[in-house]
Amino acid sequence: MVKKYHRISCTIRLVKMFVTRRLLQACRITLFSRDDCGLCTQAKGVLSDVWDKRPFQYTEVNLAKPEFKHWKNLYDFDIPVIHISKADAPEEDVNKYGKAIKLMHRFTTEQVEAKMDQVEGI
C-alpha cells in the first residue's frame, strides 16, 4: 500500500508541476479577423479547442474598425491571422509584424500548440 500511495503522490506532484509551468509560461494569441469571414469563424473554433486544453490570453482585432486601419492594410487579404507571443510580451506592433510568430488562413489545433511550444521554448 505504501508503494502505491507513493506512486500516486509522485504523479500528483508531477501533474501540479506541469500545470504550474503552463500557467507561468502562458501565451497571448491575437486573432486578426473581420465580420462575415467564414475562415475567421473556423479559426475561432480552433482557438476555442486549444484554449480548452491550454488556456491563453486572447485578443481579437477586427480589421473592419477604423482604429485598426494599419493592421487592415497589412492583413486584409490574409485573414484569419494569429500572432502568438508570451503573455508578458509588449503589445502587437505593426512595425514589427515580420518578427511575429504567426499562422495564417487555415490552421489546426496541433499547429497552434506547436507555435505555443515554440514561444514558450519547450
Protein backbone atom coordinates (compact mmCIF):
# COMPACT_ATOMS: atom_id res chain seq x y z
CA MET A 1 0.00 0.00 0.00
CA VAL A 2 2.85 2.39 0.75
CA LYS A 3 4.35 1.92 -2.73
CA LYS A 4 1.00 2.52 -4.41
CA TYR A 5 0.40 5.69 -2.36
CA HIS A 6 3.92 6.93 -3.12
CA ARG A 7 3.36 6.43 -6.87
CA ILE A 8 0.07 8.34 -6.76
CA SER A 9 1.67 11.10 -4.70
CA CYS A 10 4.53 11.45 -7.20
CA THR A 11 2.09 11.52 -10.11
CA ILE A 12 0.04 14.27 -8.45
CA ARG A 13 3.19 16.31 -7.83
CA LEU A 14 4.26 15.93 -11.47
CA VAL A 15 0.84 17.00 -12.70
CA LYS A 16 0.90 20.04 -10.40
CA MET A 17 4.37 20.96 -11.65
CA PHE A 18 3.22 20.64 -15.28
CA VAL A 19 0.12 22.77 -14.69
CA THR A 20 2.13 25.39 -12.81
CA ARG A 21 4.71 25.55 -15.60
CA ARG A 22 1.94 26.13 -18.14
CA LEU A 23 0.48 28.94 -16.05
CA LEU A 24 3.86 30.62 -15.64
CA GLN A 25 4.61 30.42 -19.35
CA ALA A 26 1.21 31.43 -20.67
CA CYS A 27 0.89 32.72 -24.21
CA ARG A 28 -1.08 35.56 -25.71
CA ILE A 29 -2.84 34.93 -29.00
CA THR A 30 -4.07 37.83 -31.09
CA LEU A 31 -6.58 36.99 -33.82
CA PHE A 32 -6.83 39.39 -36.75
CA SER A 33 -10.25 38.91 -38.32
CA ARG A 34 -13.23 40.62 -39.91
CA ASP A 35 -17.01 40.31 -39.69
CA ASP A 36 -18.63 37.86 -42.12
CA CYS A 37 -15.45 35.82 -42.58
CA GLY A 38 -16.06 32.07 -42.69
CA LEU A 39 -12.40 31.19 -42.19
CA CYS A 40 -12.32 33.52 -39.16
CA THR A 41 -15.25 31.62 -37.63
CA GLN A 42 -13.36 28.36 -38.16
CA ALA A 43 -10.22 29.89 -36.63
CA LYS A 44 -12.19 30.92 -33.54
CA GLY A 45 -13.37 27.31 -33.20
CA VAL A 46 -9.79 26.04 -33.41
CA LEU A 47 -8.66 28.58 -30.81
CA SER A 48 -11.55 27.59 -28.54
CA ASP A 49 -10.44 23.94 -28.75
CA VAL A 50 -6.86 24.92 -27.94
CA TRP A 51 -7.99 27.10 -25.01
CA ASP A 52 -9.96 24.16 -23.55
CA LYS A 53 -6.70 22.20 -23.29
CA ARG A 54 -4.27 25.03 -22.77
CA PRO A 55 -5.58 28.45 -21.65
CA PHE A 56 -4.02 31.61 -23.08
CA GLN A 57 -4.66 35.33 -23.15
CA TYR A 58 -6.84 36.26 -26.11
CA THR A 59 -7.19 39.47 -28.08
CA GLU A 60 -9.22 39.94 -31.24
CA VAL A 61 -8.51 42.71 -33.74
CA ASN A 62 -11.44 43.40 -36.08
CA LEU A 63 -9.94 44.82 -39.26
CA ALA A 64 -13.26 46.48 -40.15
CA LYS A 65 -12.82 49.00 -37.33
CA PRO A 66 -11.16 52.29 -38.31
CA GLU A 67 -8.74 52.24 -35.38
CA PHE A 68 -7.12 49.12 -36.86
CA LYS A 69 -6.54 50.54 -40.35
CA HIS A 70 -2.78 49.92 -40.09
CA TRP A 71 -3.45 46.20 -39.49
CA LYS A 72 -6.07 46.13 -42.26
CA ASN A 73 -3.51 47.48 -44.73
CA LEU A 74 -1.23 44.62 -43.74
CA TYR A 75 -3.57 41.63 -43.35
CA ASP A 76 -6.81 42.47 -45.19
CA PHE A 77 -6.41 39.66 -47.74
CA ASP A 78 -4.68 37.17 -45.42
CA ILE A 79 -7.21 36.75 -42.61
CA PRO A 80 -7.56 35.00 -40.36
CA VAL A 81 -4.10 35.60 -38.94
CA ILE A 82 -2.96 34.83 -35.42
CA HIS A 83 0.10 36.18 -33.64
CA ILE A 84 1.39 34.07 -30.78
CA SER A 85 3.61 35.61 -28.12
CA LYS A 86 4.43 35.32 -24.45
CA ALA A 87 1.72 36.80 -22.26
CA ASP A 88 4.13 39.35 -20.83
CA ALA A 89 5.50 40.46 -24.23
CA PRO A 90 4.80 44.02 -25.42
CA GLU A 91 1.55 44.61 -27.31
CA GLU A 92 1.46 43.84 -31.03
CA ASP A 93 3.32 46.40 -33.13
CA VAL A 94 2.56 46.76 -36.84
CA ASN A 95 6.17 47.83 -37.44
CA LYS A 96 7.44 44.50 -36.07
CA TYR A 97 4.92 42.17 -37.70
CA GLY A 98 7.69 40.35 -39.58
CA LYS A 99 9.14 39.08 -36.30
CA ALA A 100 5.81 37.77 -35.03
CA ILE A 101 5.24 34.05 -34.69
CA LYS A 102 2.08 33.60 -36.69
CA LEU A 103 -0.27 31.34 -38.57
CA MET A 104 -2.49 32.41 -41.47
CA HIS A 105 -5.66 31.26 -43.24
CA ARG A 106 -6.34 27.67 -42.15
CA PHE A 107 -4.65 26.08 -39.14
CA THR A 108 -5.21 23.18 -36.77
CA THR A 109 -5.09 22.87 -33.00
CA GLU A 110 -1.84 20.95 -33.37
CA GLN A 111 -0.25 23.76 -35.38
CA VAL A 112 -1.34 26.37 -32.82
CA GLU A 113 0.01 24.28 -29.94
CA ALA A 114 3.31 23.74 -31.77
CA LYS A 115 3.69 27.52 -32.17
CA MET A 116 2.81 27.98 -28.48
CA ASP A 117 5.55 25.47 -27.61
CA GLN A 118 7.95 27.46 -29.79
CA VAL A 119 7.07 30.70 -27.98
CA GLU A 120 7.39 29.05 -24.57
CA GLY A 121 10.72 27.50 -25.52
CA ILE A 122 9.55 23.92 -24.96
